[in-house]
Amino acid sequence: MRIKLSDNLTLPNTMIKGKTQLNKNYARWKGYSRYRIEGKIEQAMSDEEFENGLENGKFVQEKNKGFGVLLWLTELRLSEGLELKKEQFRIDKETLYIDTGMRKKKRLFKKDGTPRQLKAPEPLPIPLNAPHIQYLLDAIEDTPKGERVFP
């Protein structure tokens, strides 16, 4: 048996608790995409689109451009980029190294249920001649020690 909520939303009988309480999250998303109105973005942004957004976009602070450059060059998750502190960046002659620490969404257990031994990944190298790297370097330079670069 299925319960009809509207023209395009129905719930299976198993989703009913006490025949009066419905799982609202299930009802909200049943039949709808959980992504934006246009759907999930599956195609990467081109270099021209990124440069256009960086130059013509509206940023609250100038250092926020560095956050966009960081995500563009490293493919970090938003939360991983926001948690980075000044001490996690190291600059050599030709390379910027970013020690991200443990990455998010790592499986903690193997399929058989035994715990997985997690290793910290190698620091991410970014050449200092990468496009728009100066925005990122300025953001790192303007941050006090011990503080997050992008709060």
N, C-alpha and C. Protein backbone atom coordinates (compact mmCIF):
# COMPACT_ATOMS: atom_id res chain seq x y z
N MET A 1 0.84 -1.17 0.00
CA MET A 1 0.00 0.00 0.00
C MET A 1 0.89 1.24 0.00
N ARG A 2 0.50 2.26 -0.75
CA ARG A 2 1.24 3.50 -0.82
C ARG A 2 0.31 4.64 -0.44
N ILE A 3 0.85 5.64 0.19
CA ILE A 3 0.07 6.81 0.60
C ILE A 3 0.44 7.95 -0.33
N LYS A 4 -0.54 8.60 -0.90
CA LYS A 4 -0.30 9.70 -1.83
C LYS A 4 -0.30 11.01 -1.06
N LEU A 5 0.81 11.77 -1.16
CA LEU A 5 0.92 13.06 -0.49
C LEU A 5 0.51 14.19 -1.41
N SER A 6 0.85 14.08 -2.66
CA SER A 6 0.46 15.06 -3.67
C SER A 6 0.51 14.34 -5.01
N ASP A 7 0.43 15.08 -6.10
CA ASP A 7 0.41 14.44 -7.42
C ASP A 7 1.67 13.66 -7.72
N ASN A 8 2.81 14.12 -7.25
CA ASN A 8 4.05 13.43 -7.58
C ASN A 8 4.81 12.91 -6.36
N LEU A 9 4.23 12.93 -5.18
CA LEU A 9 4.89 12.40 -3.99
C LEU A 9 4.04 11.29 -3.38
N THR A 10 4.63 10.13 -3.26
CA THR A 10 3.95 9.02 -2.59
C THR A 10 4.92 8.38 -1.62
N LEU A 11 4.39 7.75 -0.59
CA LEU A 11 5.21 7.07 0.41
C LEU A 11 4.81 5.60 0.48
N PRO A 12 5.80 4.70 0.60
CA PRO A 12 5.43 3.31 0.83
C PRO A 12 4.86 3.17 2.24
N ASN A 13 4.10 2.12 2.45
CA ASN A 13 3.45 1.89 3.73
C ASN A 13 4.46 1.75 4.87
N THR A 14 5.67 1.31 4.57
CA THR A 14 6.68 1.12 5.60
C THR A 14 7.18 2.44 6.18
N MET A 15 6.91 3.55 5.51
CA MET A 15 7.38 4.84 5.99
C MET A 15 6.42 5.47 7.00
N ILE A 16 5.34 4.79 7.33
CA ILE A 16 4.35 5.34 8.24
C ILE A 16 4.65 4.85 9.65
N LYS A 17 4.65 5.76 10.61
CA LYS A 17 4.83 5.40 12.01
C LYS A 17 3.55 5.73 12.73
N GLY A 18 2.85 4.74 13.21
CA GLY A 18 1.61 4.99 13.91
C GLY A 18 0.51 5.52 13.00
N LYS A 19 0.68 5.37 11.70
CA LYS A 19 -0.29 5.77 10.67
C LYS A 19 -0.59 7.25 10.65
N THR A 20 0.11 8.06 11.45
CA THR A 20 -0.14 9.50 11.41
C THR A 20 1.14 10.28 11.19
N GLN A 21 2.29 9.76 11.66
CA GLN A 21 3.54 10.48 11.54
C GLN A 21 4.29 9.99 10.31
N LEU A 22 4.69 10.90 9.44
CA LEU A 22 5.40 10.56 8.22
C LEU A 22 6.85 11.00 8.33
N ASN A 23 7.72 10.31 7.64
CA ASN A 23 9.11 10.72 7.56
C ASN A 23 9.19 11.90 6.59
N LYS A 24 9.30 13.10 7.12
CA LYS A 24 9.20 14.30 6.29
C LYS A 24 10.38 14.45 5.34
N ASN A 25 11.56 14.01 5.74
CA ASN A 25 12.70 14.11 4.84
C ASN A 25 12.51 13.23 3.62
N TYR A 26 11.97 12.05 3.83
CA TYR A 26 11.72 11.15 2.71
C TYR A 26 10.68 11.78 1.78
N ALA A 27 9.63 12.32 2.37
CA ALA A 27 8.57 12.92 1.56
C ALA A 27 9.07 14.14 0.81
N ARG A 28 9.96 14.89 1.44
CA ARG A 28 10.44 16.13 0.82
C ARG A 28 11.24 15.81 -0.44
N TRP A 29 12.07 14.77 -0.40
CA TRP A 29 12.99 14.53 -1.50
C TRP A 29 12.54 13.45 -2.46
N LYS A 30 11.51 12.72 -2.14
CA LYS A 30 11.06 11.64 -3.02
C LYS A 30 10.63 12.24 -4.35
N GLY A 31 11.28 11.84 -5.39
CA GLY A 31 10.93 12.32 -6.71
C GLY A 31 11.64 13.60 -7.11
N TYR A 32 12.46 14.16 -6.25
CA TYR A 32 13.17 15.39 -6.56
C TYR A 32 14.66 15.16 -6.44
N SER A 33 15.41 15.95 -7.18
CA SER A 33 16.86 15.89 -7.08
C SER A 33 17.30 16.59 -5.81
N ARG A 34 18.31 16.06 -5.14
CA ARG A 34 18.83 16.73 -3.95
C ARG A 34 19.84 17.80 -4.32
N TYR A 35 20.07 17.96 -5.61
CA TYR A 35 21.02 18.95 -6.07
C TYR A 35 20.31 20.23 -6.47
N ARG A 36 21.03 21.11 -7.10
CA ARG A 36 20.48 22.39 -7.52
C ARG A 36 19.32 22.20 -8.48
N ILE A 37 18.66 23.27 -8.81
CA ILE A 37 17.52 23.21 -9.71
C ILE A 37 17.93 22.65 -11.07
N GLU A 38 19.13 23.00 -11.53
CA GLU A 38 19.59 22.52 -12.83
C GLU A 38 20.06 21.06 -12.77
N GLY A 39 20.16 20.49 -11.58
CA GLY A 39 20.65 19.12 -11.44
C GLY A 39 22.11 19.10 -11.01
N LYS A 40 22.64 17.93 -10.82
CA LYS A 40 24.02 17.77 -10.38
C LYS A 40 24.97 18.25 -11.47
N ILE A 41 25.98 19.01 -11.05
CA ILE A 41 26.97 19.50 -12.00
C ILE A 41 27.99 18.39 -12.19
N GLU A 42 28.03 17.82 -13.38
CA GLU A 42 28.93 16.70 -13.65
C GLU A 42 30.07 17.08 -14.57
N GLN A 43 30.08 18.30 -15.06
CA GLN A 43 31.11 18.75 -15.97
C GLN A 43 31.97 19.80 -15.27
N ALA A 44 33.28 19.67 -15.39
CA ALA A 44 34.18 20.61 -14.74
C ALA A 44 34.09 21.98 -15.40
N MET A 45 34.34 23.00 -14.60
CA MET A 45 34.35 24.37 -15.09
C MET A 45 35.58 24.57 -15.97
N SER A 46 35.43 25.28 -17.06
CA SER A 46 36.57 25.53 -17.94
C SER A 46 37.46 26.60 -17.32
N ASP A 47 38.67 26.71 -17.85
CA ASP A 47 39.61 27.73 -17.37
C ASP A 47 39.06 29.13 -17.61
N GLU A 48 38.42 29.33 -18.75
CA GLU A 48 37.87 30.65 -19.07
C GLU A 48 36.75 31.03 -18.11
N GLU A 49 35.88 30.06 -17.77
CA GLU A 49 34.78 30.33 -16.84
C GLU A 49 35.32 30.68 -15.46
N PHE A 50 36.37 29.96 -15.02
CA PHE A 50 36.96 30.23 -13.71
C PHE A 50 37.59 31.63 -13.68
N GLU A 51 38.34 31.96 -14.71
CA GLU A 51 38.98 33.28 -14.76
C GLU A 51 37.94 34.39 -14.82
N ASN A 52 36.87 34.18 -15.56
CA ASN A 52 35.80 35.17 -15.63
C ASN A 52 35.16 35.37 -14.26
N GLY A 53 34.88 34.27 -13.55
CA GLY A 53 34.30 34.38 -12.21
C GLY A 53 35.24 35.03 -11.21
N LEU A 54 36.53 34.75 -11.35
CA LEU A 54 37.51 35.32 -10.44
C LEU A 54 37.66 36.83 -10.65
N GLU A 55 37.62 37.26 -11.89
CA GLU A 55 37.80 38.68 -12.18
C GLU A 55 36.51 39.48 -12.02
N ASN A 56 35.36 38.90 -12.37
CA ASN A 56 34.10 39.64 -12.37
C ASN A 56 33.18 39.28 -11.22
N GLY A 57 33.55 38.29 -10.41
CA GLY A 57 32.71 37.87 -9.30
C GLY A 57 32.74 38.87 -8.16
N LYS A 58 31.78 38.74 -7.26
CA LYS A 58 31.72 39.62 -6.09
C LYS A 58 32.28 38.87 -4.89
N PHE A 59 33.31 39.41 -4.28
CA PHE A 59 33.96 38.81 -3.13
C PHE A 59 33.88 39.78 -1.96
N VAL A 60 33.55 39.26 -0.77
CA VAL A 60 33.45 40.10 0.42
C VAL A 60 34.83 40.63 0.78
N GLN A 61 35.81 39.74 0.76
CA GLN A 61 37.20 40.13 1.04
C GLN A 61 38.06 39.67 -0.13
N GLU A 62 39.16 40.34 -0.31
CA GLU A 62 40.07 39.98 -1.40
C GLU A 62 40.67 38.59 -1.17
N LYS A 63 40.84 38.20 0.10
CA LYS A 63 41.45 36.90 0.38
C LYS A 63 40.53 35.75 -0.01
N ASN A 64 39.23 36.01 -0.21
CA ASN A 64 38.32 34.95 -0.64
C ASN A 64 38.61 34.48 -2.06
N LYS A 65 39.26 35.33 -2.85
CA LYS A 65 39.70 34.89 -4.17
C LYS A 65 40.74 33.78 -4.03
N GLY A 66 41.58 33.89 -3.00
CA GLY A 66 42.56 32.85 -2.74
C GLY A 66 41.92 31.52 -2.40
N PHE A 67 40.77 31.56 -1.73
CA PHE A 67 40.05 30.32 -1.40
C PHE A 67 39.55 29.65 -2.68
N GLY A 68 39.03 30.44 -3.60
CA GLY A 68 38.60 29.88 -4.88
C GLY A 68 39.76 29.26 -5.65
N VAL A 69 40.90 29.93 -5.63
CA VAL A 69 42.09 29.41 -6.30
C VAL A 69 42.55 28.11 -5.63
N LEU A 70 42.50 28.06 -4.29
CA LEU A 70 42.88 26.85 -3.56
C LEU A 70 42.01 25.67 -3.99
N LEU A 71 40.71 25.86 -4.02
CA LEU A 71 39.80 24.78 -4.40
C LEU A 71 39.99 24.39 -5.86
N TRP A 72 40.25 25.36 -6.71
CA TRP A 72 40.44 25.10 -8.13
C TRP A 72 41.70 24.27 -8.39
N LEU A 73 42.79 24.60 -7.68
CA LEU A 73 44.06 23.92 -7.94
C LEU A 73 44.22 22.60 -7.21
N THR A 74 43.55 22.41 -6.08
CA THR A 74 43.79 21.21 -5.27
C THR A 74 42.65 20.22 -5.26
N GLU A 75 41.44 20.63 -5.62
CA GLU A 75 40.25 19.79 -5.57
C GLU A 75 39.92 19.33 -4.16
N LEU A 76 40.25 20.18 -3.18
CA LEU A 76 39.87 19.88 -1.80
C LEU A 76 38.36 20.08 -1.62
N ARG A 77 37.80 19.44 -0.62
CA ARG A 77 36.41 19.73 -0.25
C ARG A 77 36.36 21.09 0.43
N LEU A 78 35.19 21.72 0.43
CA LEU A 78 35.06 23.03 1.05
C LEU A 78 35.51 23.00 2.50
N SER A 79 35.04 22.01 3.26
CA SER A 79 35.38 21.96 4.68
C SER A 79 36.87 21.72 4.89
N GLU A 80 37.51 20.98 4.01
CA GLU A 80 38.95 20.75 4.14
C GLU A 80 39.73 22.05 3.90
N GLY A 81 39.28 22.84 2.94
CA GLY A 81 39.94 24.11 2.67
C GLY A 81 39.74 25.13 3.78
N LEU A 82 38.54 25.13 4.38
CA LEU A 82 38.25 26.09 5.45
C LEU A 82 39.02 25.77 6.73
N GLU A 83 39.38 24.52 6.95
CA GLU A 83 40.07 24.13 8.17
C GLU A 83 41.58 24.35 8.12
N LEU A 84 42.12 24.72 6.98
CA LEU A 84 43.57 24.87 6.85
C LEU A 84 44.08 26.07 7.65
N LYS A 85 45.17 25.84 8.39
CA LYS A 85 45.83 26.90 9.16
C LYS A 85 47.13 27.29 8.47
N LYS A 86 47.65 28.42 8.87
CA LYS A 86 48.85 28.96 8.22
C LYS A 86 50.02 27.98 8.29
N GLU A 87 50.13 27.23 9.38
CA GLU A 87 51.26 26.32 9.57
C GLU A 87 51.21 25.13 8.60
N GLN A 88 50.08 24.90 7.96
CA GLN A 88 49.95 23.77 7.05
C GLN A 88 50.43 24.11 5.64
N PHE A 89 50.86 25.35 5.42
CA PHE A 89 51.39 25.77 4.13
C PHE A 89 52.91 25.94 4.27
N ARG A 90 53.64 25.44 3.28
CA ARG A 90 55.10 25.57 3.28
C ARG A 90 55.54 25.95 1.87
N ILE A 91 56.38 26.96 1.77
CA ILE A 91 56.82 27.45 0.46
C ILE A 91 58.30 27.15 0.28
N ASP A 92 58.61 26.46 -0.84
CA ASP A 92 60.00 26.24 -1.24
C ASP A 92 60.33 27.20 -2.38
N LYS A 93 61.44 26.95 -3.06
CA LYS A 93 61.87 27.83 -4.14
C LYS A 93 60.83 27.92 -5.26
N GLU A 94 60.29 26.77 -5.66
CA GLU A 94 59.39 26.75 -6.81
C GLU A 94 58.03 26.12 -6.52
N THR A 95 57.78 25.72 -5.28
CA THR A 95 56.58 24.95 -4.98
C THR A 95 55.96 25.38 -3.66
N LEU A 96 54.64 25.40 -3.62
CA LEU A 96 53.88 25.58 -2.39
C LEU A 96 53.35 24.21 -1.99
N TYR A 97 53.63 23.77 -0.76
CA TYR A 97 53.15 22.48 -0.26
C TYR A 97 52.04 22.73 0.75
N ILE A 98 50.96 21.98 0.62
CA ILE A 98 49.82 22.10 1.52
C ILE A 98 49.63 20.77 2.22
N ASP A 99 49.83 20.77 3.54
CA ASP A 99 49.62 19.57 4.35
C ASP A 99 48.16 19.56 4.79
N THR A 100 47.34 18.77 4.13
CA THR A 100 45.90 18.78 4.40
C THR A 100 45.52 17.96 5.61
N GLY A 101 46.44 17.16 6.14
CA GLY A 101 46.06 16.27 7.23
C GLY A 101 45.18 15.15 6.70
N MET A 102 44.42 14.53 7.57
CA MET A 102 43.55 13.44 7.14
C MET A 102 42.43 13.99 6.29
N ARG A 103 42.19 13.37 5.15
CA ARG A 103 41.13 13.80 4.25
C ARG A 103 39.78 13.36 4.77
N LYS A 104 38.73 14.04 4.37
CA LYS A 104 37.38 13.70 4.78
C LYS A 104 36.88 12.49 3.98
N LYS A 105 35.85 11.89 4.49
CA LYS A 105 35.14 10.80 3.83
C LYS A 105 36.05 9.60 3.54
N LYS A 106 36.91 9.27 4.44
CA LYS A 106 37.69 8.05 4.31
C LYS A 106 36.92 6.94 4.99
N ARG A 107 36.90 5.78 4.38
CA ARG A 107 36.25 4.65 5.02
C ARG A 107 37.10 4.17 6.18
N LEU A 108 36.51 4.12 7.36
CA LEU A 108 37.25 3.74 8.56
C LEU A 108 37.34 2.24 8.73
N PHE A 109 36.45 1.49 8.07
CA PHE A 109 36.43 0.04 8.21
C PHE A 109 36.46 -0.60 6.83
N LYS A 110 37.09 -1.77 6.77
CA LYS A 110 37.09 -2.54 5.54
C LYS A 110 35.73 -3.20 5.37
N LYS A 111 35.51 -3.81 4.22
CA LYS A 111 34.22 -4.46 3.96
C LYS A 111 33.95 -5.61 4.91
N ASP A 112 35.01 -6.24 5.41
CA ASP A 112 34.80 -7.35 6.35
C ASP A 112 34.61 -6.88 7.79
N GLY A 113 34.64 -5.55 8.03
CA GLY A 113 34.38 -5.00 9.35
C GLY A 113 35.60 -4.71 10.19
N THR A 114 36.78 -5.07 9.71
CA THR A 114 38.00 -4.79 10.47
C THR A 114 38.41 -3.33 10.27
N PRO A 115 39.03 -2.73 11.29
CA PRO A 115 39.43 -1.31 11.14
C PRO A 115 40.52 -1.13 10.10
N ARG A 116 40.44 -0.04 9.39
CA ARG A 116 41.42 0.28 8.35
C ARG A 116 42.53 1.14 8.97
N GLN A 117 43.77 0.87 8.59
CA GLN A 117 44.90 1.69 9.04
C GLN A 117 44.98 2.90 8.13
N LEU A 118 44.68 4.07 8.67
CA LEU A 118 44.70 5.30 7.87
C LEU A 118 46.07 5.96 7.95
N LYS A 119 46.54 6.42 6.81
CA LYS A 119 47.81 7.13 6.75
C LYS A 119 47.54 8.56 6.30
N ALA A 120 48.29 9.47 6.86
CA ALA A 120 48.17 10.87 6.41
C ALA A 120 48.73 10.98 5.00
N PRO A 121 48.04 11.67 4.11
CA PRO A 121 48.54 11.79 2.73
C PRO A 121 49.75 12.70 2.65
N GLU A 122 50.46 12.58 1.57
CA GLU A 122 51.60 13.45 1.30
C GLU A 122 51.10 14.89 1.09
N PRO A 123 51.89 15.89 1.43
CA PRO A 123 51.47 17.27 1.17
C PRO A 123 51.23 17.50 -0.33
N LEU A 124 50.23 18.31 -0.62
CA LEU A 124 49.89 18.60 -2.02
C LEU A 124 50.84 19.65 -2.57
N PRO A 125 51.55 19.34 -3.66
CA PRO A 125 52.45 20.34 -4.25
C PRO A 125 51.72 21.19 -5.29
N ILE A 126 51.93 22.49 -5.22
CA ILE A 126 51.40 23.41 -6.22
C ILE A 126 52.56 24.26 -6.71
N PRO A 127 52.83 24.26 -7.99
CA PRO A 127 53.93 25.10 -8.49
C PRO A 127 53.62 26.58 -8.31
N LEU A 128 54.64 27.36 -7.99
CA LEU A 128 54.45 28.78 -7.76
C LEU A 128 54.17 29.57 -9.04
N ASN A 129 54.28 28.90 -10.19
CA ASN A 129 53.92 29.58 -11.45
C ASN A 129 52.53 29.16 -11.92
N ALA A 130 51.74 28.53 -11.05
CA ALA A 130 50.36 28.17 -11.39
C ALA A 130 49.53 29.44 -11.57
N PRO A 131 48.48 29.37 -12.38
CA PRO A 131 47.68 30.59 -12.60
C PRO A 131 46.99 31.06 -11.33
N HIS A 132 47.02 32.35 -11.09
CA HIS A 132 46.35 33.02 -9.97
C HIS A 132 46.85 32.58 -8.60
N ILE A 133 48.03 32.00 -8.52
CA ILE A 133 48.57 31.54 -7.24
C ILE A 133 48.84 32.72 -6.30
N GLN A 134 49.02 33.90 -6.86
CA GLN A 134 49.33 35.06 -6.02
C GLN A 134 48.20 35.39 -5.06
N TYR A 135 46.94 35.15 -5.47
CA TYR A 135 45.81 35.37 -4.56
C TYR A 135 45.93 34.47 -3.33
N LEU A 136 46.32 33.22 -3.55
CA LEU A 136 46.48 32.27 -2.44
C LEU A 136 47.67 32.66 -1.56
N LEU A 137 48.77 33.04 -2.17
CA LEU A 137 49.95 33.44 -1.40
C LEU A 137 49.67 34.69 -0.56
N ASP A 138 48.91 35.63 -1.11
CA ASP A 138 48.56 36.83 -0.35
C ASP A 138 47.69 36.48 0.86
N ALA A 139 46.75 35.56 0.67
CA ALA A 139 45.87 35.16 1.78
C ALA A 139 46.68 34.48 2.88
N ILE A 140 47.64 33.65 2.51
CA ILE A 140 48.49 32.97 3.50
C ILE A 140 49.35 33.99 4.24
N GLU A 141 49.91 34.94 3.50
CA GLU A 141 50.79 35.95 4.08
C GLU A 141 50.06 36.87 5.06
N ASP A 142 48.79 37.18 4.79
CA ASP A 142 48.02 38.09 5.63
C ASP A 142 47.44 37.42 6.87
N THR A 143 47.63 36.11 7.04
CA THR A 143 47.04 35.39 8.16
C THR A 143 48.04 35.30 9.31
N PRO A 144 47.62 35.60 10.55
CA PRO A 144 48.51 35.44 11.70
C PRO A 144 48.78 33.96 11.99
N LYS A 145 49.88 33.69 12.68
CA LYS A 145 50.22 32.31 13.02
C LYS A 145 49.15 31.69 13.90
N GLY A 146 48.86 30.42 13.64
CA GLY A 146 47.89 29.69 14.44
C GLY A 146 46.44 29.90 14.03
N GLU A 147 46.20 30.81 13.10
CA GLU A 147 44.83 31.11 12.66
C GLU A 147 44.52 30.38 11.37
N ARG A 148 43.23 30.21 11.11
CA ARG A 148 42.80 29.64 9.83
C ARG A 148 43.01 30.67 8.73
N VAL A 149 43.44 30.20 7.59
CA VAL A 149 43.68 31.10 6.47
C VAL A 149 42.37 31.64 5.92
N PHE A 150 41.36 30.78 5.86
CA PHE A 150 40.04 31.17 5.34
C PHE A 150 38.99 30.90 6.41
N PRO A 151 38.73 31.86 7.31
CA PRO A 151 37.76 31.62 8.40
C PRO A 151 36.32 31.62 7.91
